[in-house]
Amino acid sequence: MYDKGVVDNLEQLIIDMKESLEREIGSLRSEMREGFARINTRFDLQAQRLDRHAALWQTGRRWSSKMDVWAEGVDTALETKDREIAELRARLDRLERAQQNGKQ
């Protein structure tokens, strides 16, 4: 019915195809591992950059917050000084008027 030579050739062809596919799959597996390793390296570098950016942003935010507190303190001090100066001017005006009224 079947020719043994044809069956043997077909069997060898199937075995060769299987071995070829195993080599190809092994090669693809190796390429995928290398590719994923490169991607992981890039992600690690990107994460490091983002960490540095976050640290700079946080430092800037802290500095800005401290500057806001300082500016509020300066504003309060200036307001107090302005009020004291206005009170002293009013007092001086009253004293000068009283002195001028006393001379007349």
N, C-alpha and C. Protein backbone atom coordinates (compact mmCIF):
# COMPACT_ATOMS: atom_id res chain seq x y z
N MET A 1 0.80 -1.19 0.00
CA MET A 1 0.00 0.00 0.00
C MET A 1 0.85 1.27 0.00
N TYR A 2 1.61 1.46 1.08
CA TYR A 2 2.48 2.63 1.14
C TYR A 2 3.90 2.22 0.85
N ASP A 3 4.57 3.09 0.15
CA ASP A 3 5.97 2.85 -0.15
C ASP A 3 6.80 3.25 1.05
N LYS A 4 7.61 2.33 1.56
CA LYS A 4 8.40 2.58 2.77
C LYS A 4 9.33 3.77 2.57
N GLY A 5 9.90 3.95 1.40
CA GLY A 5 10.80 5.08 1.11
C GLY A 5 10.07 6.41 1.22
N VAL A 6 8.82 6.44 0.73
CA VAL A 6 8.04 7.68 0.80
C VAL A 6 7.71 8.00 2.26
N VAL A 7 7.32 6.97 3.02
CA VAL A 7 6.98 7.16 4.43
C VAL A 7 8.23 7.60 5.20
N ASP A 8 9.36 6.98 4.91
CA ASP A 8 10.60 7.36 5.59
C ASP A 8 10.98 8.81 5.26
N ASN A 9 10.81 9.19 4.00
CA ASN A 9 11.11 10.57 3.58
C ASN A 9 10.16 11.56 4.27
N LEU A 10 8.91 11.19 4.34
CA LEU A 10 7.90 12.04 4.98
C LEU A 10 8.20 12.17 6.47
N GLU A 11 8.58 11.06 7.09
CA GLU A 11 8.93 11.08 8.52
C GLU A 11 10.15 11.98 8.75
N GLN A 12 11.16 11.86 7.90
CA GLN A 12 12.36 12.68 8.03
C GLN A 12 12.02 14.17 7.81
N LEU A 13 11.14 14.44 6.86
CA LEU A 13 10.72 15.82 6.59
C LEU A 13 10.02 16.42 7.81
N ILE A 14 9.16 15.63 8.44
CA ILE A 14 8.45 16.10 9.64
C ILE A 14 9.44 16.35 10.78
N ILE A 15 10.40 15.44 10.96
CA ILE A 15 11.41 15.60 12.01
C ILE A 15 12.27 16.84 11.74
N ASP A 16 12.68 17.01 10.49
CA ASP A 16 13.49 18.19 10.12
C ASP A 16 12.70 19.48 10.36
N MET A 17 11.42 19.47 10.01
CA MET A 17 10.56 20.65 10.22
C MET A 17 10.44 20.96 11.69
N LYS A 18 10.24 19.92 12.51
CA LYS A 18 10.14 20.10 13.97
C LYS A 18 11.42 20.70 14.52
N GLU A 19 12.57 20.17 14.11
CA GLU A 19 13.85 20.68 14.61
C GLU A 19 14.08 22.12 14.15
N SER A 20 13.69 22.40 12.91
CA SER A 20 13.82 23.76 12.39
C SER A 20 12.96 24.74 13.20
N LEU A 21 11.72 24.32 13.49
CA LEU A 21 10.82 25.16 14.29
C LEU A 21 11.37 25.37 15.70
N GLU A 22 11.95 24.31 16.30
CA GLU A 22 12.54 24.45 17.63
C GLU A 22 13.68 25.47 17.62
N ARG A 23 14.52 25.41 16.56
CA ARG A 23 15.62 26.38 16.46
C ARG A 23 15.06 27.80 16.30
N GLU A 24 14.08 27.96 15.45
CA GLU A 24 13.48 29.29 15.23
C GLU A 24 12.84 29.82 16.52
N ILE A 25 12.11 28.97 17.21
CA ILE A 25 11.46 29.38 18.46
C ILE A 25 12.52 29.74 19.50
N GLY A 26 13.60 28.95 19.58
CA GLY A 26 14.69 29.25 20.50
C GLY A 26 15.34 30.58 20.17
N SER A 27 15.53 30.84 18.88
CA SER A 27 16.11 32.11 18.44
C SER A 27 15.18 33.28 18.78
N LEU A 28 13.89 33.10 18.53
CA LEU A 28 12.91 34.15 18.87
C LEU A 28 12.88 34.40 20.38
N ARG A 29 12.96 33.32 21.15
CA ARG A 29 12.95 33.44 22.61
C ARG A 29 14.16 34.27 23.06
N SER A 30 15.31 34.01 22.47
CA SER A 30 16.53 34.75 22.80
C SER A 30 16.38 36.22 22.42
N GLU A 31 15.87 36.48 21.22
CA GLU A 31 15.66 37.85 20.77
C GLU A 31 14.68 38.58 21.68
N MET A 32 13.61 37.90 22.08
CA MET A 32 12.62 38.52 22.96
C MET A 32 13.25 38.87 24.31
N ARG A 33 14.05 37.97 24.86
CA ARG A 33 14.70 38.25 26.15
C ARG A 33 15.62 39.45 26.04
N GLU A 34 16.40 39.51 24.95
CA GLU A 34 17.30 40.66 24.75
C GLU A 34 16.49 41.95 24.59
N GLY A 35 15.41 41.87 23.83
CA GLY A 35 14.56 43.05 23.62
C GLY A 35 13.93 43.52 24.93
N PHE A 36 13.42 42.59 25.71
CA PHE A 36 12.83 42.97 26.99
C PHE A 36 13.89 43.53 27.94
N ALA A 37 15.11 42.99 27.87
CA ALA A 37 16.19 43.52 28.71
C ALA A 37 16.49 44.96 28.33
N ARG A 38 16.51 45.26 27.01
CA ARG A 38 16.74 46.65 26.56
C ARG A 38 15.60 47.56 27.02
N ILE A 39 14.37 47.07 26.90
CA ILE A 39 13.22 47.87 27.34
C ILE A 39 13.29 48.12 28.84
N ASN A 40 13.62 47.08 29.61
CA ASN A 40 13.75 47.26 31.06
C ASN A 40 14.83 48.27 31.40
N THR A 41 15.94 48.24 30.67
CA THR A 41 17.02 49.21 30.89
C THR A 41 16.51 50.63 30.62
N ARG A 42 15.78 50.79 29.53
CA ARG A 42 15.24 52.12 29.20
C ARG A 42 14.25 52.59 30.26
N PHE A 43 13.39 51.67 30.72
CA PHE A 43 12.44 52.04 31.77
C PHE A 43 13.17 52.41 33.06
N ASP A 44 14.24 51.69 33.38
CA ASP A 44 15.01 52.02 34.58
C ASP A 44 15.62 53.42 34.46
N LEU A 45 16.18 53.73 33.29
CA LEU A 45 16.76 55.06 33.08
C LEU A 45 15.68 56.14 33.16
N GLN A 46 14.54 55.85 32.58
CA GLN A 46 13.42 56.81 32.62
C GLN A 46 12.95 57.00 34.05
N ALA A 47 12.88 55.93 34.81
CA ALA A 47 12.45 56.04 36.22
C ALA A 47 13.44 56.87 37.01
N GLN A 48 14.73 56.71 36.74
CA GLN A 48 15.73 57.51 37.43
C GLN A 48 15.57 58.99 37.10
N ARG A 49 15.34 59.29 35.81
CA ARG A 49 15.12 60.69 35.41
C ARG A 49 13.88 61.26 36.09
N LEU A 50 12.81 60.48 36.11
CA LEU A 50 11.58 60.95 36.75
C LEU A 50 11.78 61.16 38.24
N ASP A 51 12.56 60.30 38.88
CA ASP A 51 12.86 60.48 40.30
C ASP A 51 13.62 61.78 40.53
N ARG A 52 14.60 62.06 39.65
CA ARG A 52 15.34 63.33 39.78
C ARG A 52 14.41 64.53 39.57
N HIS A 53 13.55 64.45 38.57
CA HIS A 53 12.61 65.54 38.32
C HIS A 53 11.68 65.74 39.52
N ALA A 54 11.20 64.64 40.07
CA ALA A 54 10.31 64.73 41.23
C ALA A 54 11.03 65.36 42.42
N ALA A 55 12.29 65.00 42.61
CA ALA A 55 13.06 65.58 43.72
C ALA A 55 13.24 67.07 43.50
N LEU A 56 13.55 67.47 42.27
CA LEU A 56 13.71 68.90 41.99
C LEU A 56 12.40 69.65 42.18
N TRP A 57 11.31 69.05 41.71
CA TRP A 57 10.01 69.69 41.85
C TRP A 57 9.66 69.84 43.33
N GLN A 58 9.91 68.80 44.11
CA GLN A 58 9.59 68.85 45.53
C GLN A 58 10.45 69.88 46.24
N THR A 59 11.73 69.96 45.88
CA THR A 59 12.61 70.96 46.47
C THR A 59 12.12 72.36 46.13
N GLY A 60 11.75 72.57 44.88
CA GLY A 60 11.22 73.86 44.47
C GLY A 60 9.93 74.22 45.19
N ARG A 61 9.10 73.21 45.37
CA ARG A 61 7.83 73.45 46.08
C ARG A 61 8.10 73.85 47.53
N ARG A 62 9.05 73.16 48.16
CA ARG A 62 9.40 73.51 49.56
C ARG A 62 9.97 74.91 49.63
N TRP A 63 10.87 75.25 48.71
CA TRP A 63 11.47 76.58 48.69
C TRP A 63 10.38 77.63 48.49
N SER A 64 9.49 77.38 47.55
CA SER A 64 8.41 78.33 47.28
C SER A 64 7.52 78.51 48.50
N SER A 65 7.24 77.42 49.20
CA SER A 65 6.42 77.50 50.42
C SER A 65 7.12 78.34 51.48
N LYS A 66 8.43 78.11 51.64
CA LYS A 66 9.19 78.90 52.61
C LYS A 66 9.21 80.37 52.22
N MET A 67 9.32 80.64 50.93
CA MET A 67 9.31 82.04 50.47
C MET A 67 7.95 82.68 50.75
N ASP A 68 6.87 81.92 50.60
CA ASP A 68 5.54 82.45 50.91
C ASP A 68 5.44 82.83 52.38
N VAL A 69 5.94 81.96 53.25
CA VAL A 69 5.92 82.24 54.69
C VAL A 69 6.76 83.48 54.98
N TRP A 70 7.95 83.55 54.38
CA TRP A 70 8.83 84.70 54.60
C TRP A 70 8.16 85.98 54.11
N ALA A 71 7.55 85.94 52.92
CA ALA A 71 6.90 87.12 52.35
C ALA A 71 5.74 87.57 53.24
N GLU A 72 4.99 86.63 53.78
CA GLU A 72 3.90 86.99 54.68
C GLU A 72 4.45 87.67 55.93
N GLY A 73 5.57 87.17 56.44
CA GLY A 73 6.20 87.79 57.60
C GLY A 73 6.67 89.20 57.30
N VAL A 74 7.27 89.39 56.13
CA VAL A 74 7.72 90.72 55.72
C VAL A 74 6.52 91.65 55.56
N ASP A 75 5.47 91.16 54.92
CA ASP A 75 4.26 91.98 54.75
C ASP A 75 3.68 92.39 56.10
N THR A 76 3.64 91.47 57.03
CA THR A 76 3.12 91.78 58.37
C THR A 76 4.01 92.82 59.05
N ALA A 77 5.32 92.65 58.95
CA ALA A 77 6.26 93.60 59.57
C ALA A 77 6.12 94.97 58.93
N LEU A 78 6.00 95.02 57.62
CA LEU A 78 5.85 96.31 56.93
C LEU A 78 4.52 96.99 57.31
N GLU A 79 3.49 96.19 57.41
CA GLU A 79 2.19 96.73 57.82
C GLU A 79 2.28 97.32 59.23
N THR A 80 2.95 96.60 60.12
CA THR A 80 3.13 97.09 61.49
C THR A 80 3.92 98.39 61.49
N LYS A 81 5.01 98.43 60.73
CA LYS A 81 5.84 99.65 60.65
C LYS A 81 5.05 100.80 60.05
N ASP A 82 4.28 100.53 59.00
CA ASP A 82 3.46 101.59 58.39
C ASP A 82 2.46 102.14 59.39
N ARG A 83 1.84 101.26 60.17
CA ARG A 83 0.88 101.70 61.18
C ARG A 83 1.59 102.54 62.25
N GLU A 84 2.76 102.09 62.70
CA GLU A 84 3.51 102.84 63.72
C GLU A 84 3.93 104.20 63.20
N ILE A 85 4.38 104.24 61.93
CA ILE A 85 4.77 105.53 61.33
C ILE A 85 3.57 106.45 61.23
N ALA A 86 2.41 105.91 60.82
CA ALA A 86 1.20 106.73 60.73
C ALA A 86 0.80 107.26 62.11
N GLU A 87 0.91 106.42 63.13
CA GLU A 87 0.59 106.87 64.50
C GLU A 87 1.56 107.94 64.96
N LEU A 88 2.85 107.76 64.65
CA LEU A 88 3.85 108.77 65.04
C LEU A 88 3.61 110.09 64.31
N ARG A 89 3.26 110.03 63.04
CA ARG A 89 2.96 111.26 62.29
C ARG A 89 1.76 111.98 62.89
N ALA A 90 0.73 111.19 63.21
CA ALA A 90 -0.47 111.81 63.80
C ALA A 90 -0.11 112.46 65.14
N ARG A 91 0.69 111.78 65.92
CA ARG A 91 1.11 112.32 67.22
C ARG A 91 1.94 113.59 67.02
N LEU A 92 2.86 113.56 66.07
CA LEU A 92 3.70 114.72 65.78
C LEU A 92 2.84 115.89 65.31
N ASP A 93 1.88 115.60 64.43
CA ASP A 93 0.97 116.66 63.96
C ASP A 93 0.21 117.27 65.14
N ARG A 94 -0.30 116.42 66.04
CA ARG A 94 -1.02 116.94 67.21
C ARG A 94 -0.10 117.81 68.08
N LEU A 95 1.13 117.35 68.29
CA LEU A 95 2.08 118.11 69.11
C LEU A 95 2.43 119.45 68.46
N GLU A 96 2.66 119.42 67.14
CA GLU A 96 2.99 120.67 66.44
C GLU A 96 1.81 121.63 66.46
N ARG A 97 0.59 121.11 66.29
CA ARG A 97 -0.59 121.98 66.36
C ARG A 97 -0.75 122.56 67.76
N ALA A 98 -0.52 121.72 68.75
CA ALA A 98 -0.64 122.20 70.14
C ALA A 98 0.41 123.27 70.42
N GLN A 99 1.61 123.08 69.88
CA GLN A 99 2.68 124.07 70.10
C GLN A 99 2.36 125.37 69.38
N GLN A 100 1.82 125.26 68.15
CA GLN A 100 1.48 126.46 67.41
C GLN A 100 0.31 127.19 68.06
N ASN A 101 -0.65 126.44 68.59
CA ASN A 101 -1.78 127.07 69.28
C ASN A 101 -1.32 127.72 70.57
N GLY A 102 -0.32 127.18 71.21
CA GLY A 102 0.21 127.73 72.46
C GLY A 102 0.98 129.00 72.21
N LYS A 103 1.62 129.19 71.07
CA LYS A 103 2.40 130.37 70.74
C LYS A 103 1.50 131.50 70.34
N GLN A 104 0.36 131.25 69.88
CA GLN A 104 -0.51 132.32 69.39
C GLN A 104 -1.25 132.96 70.46
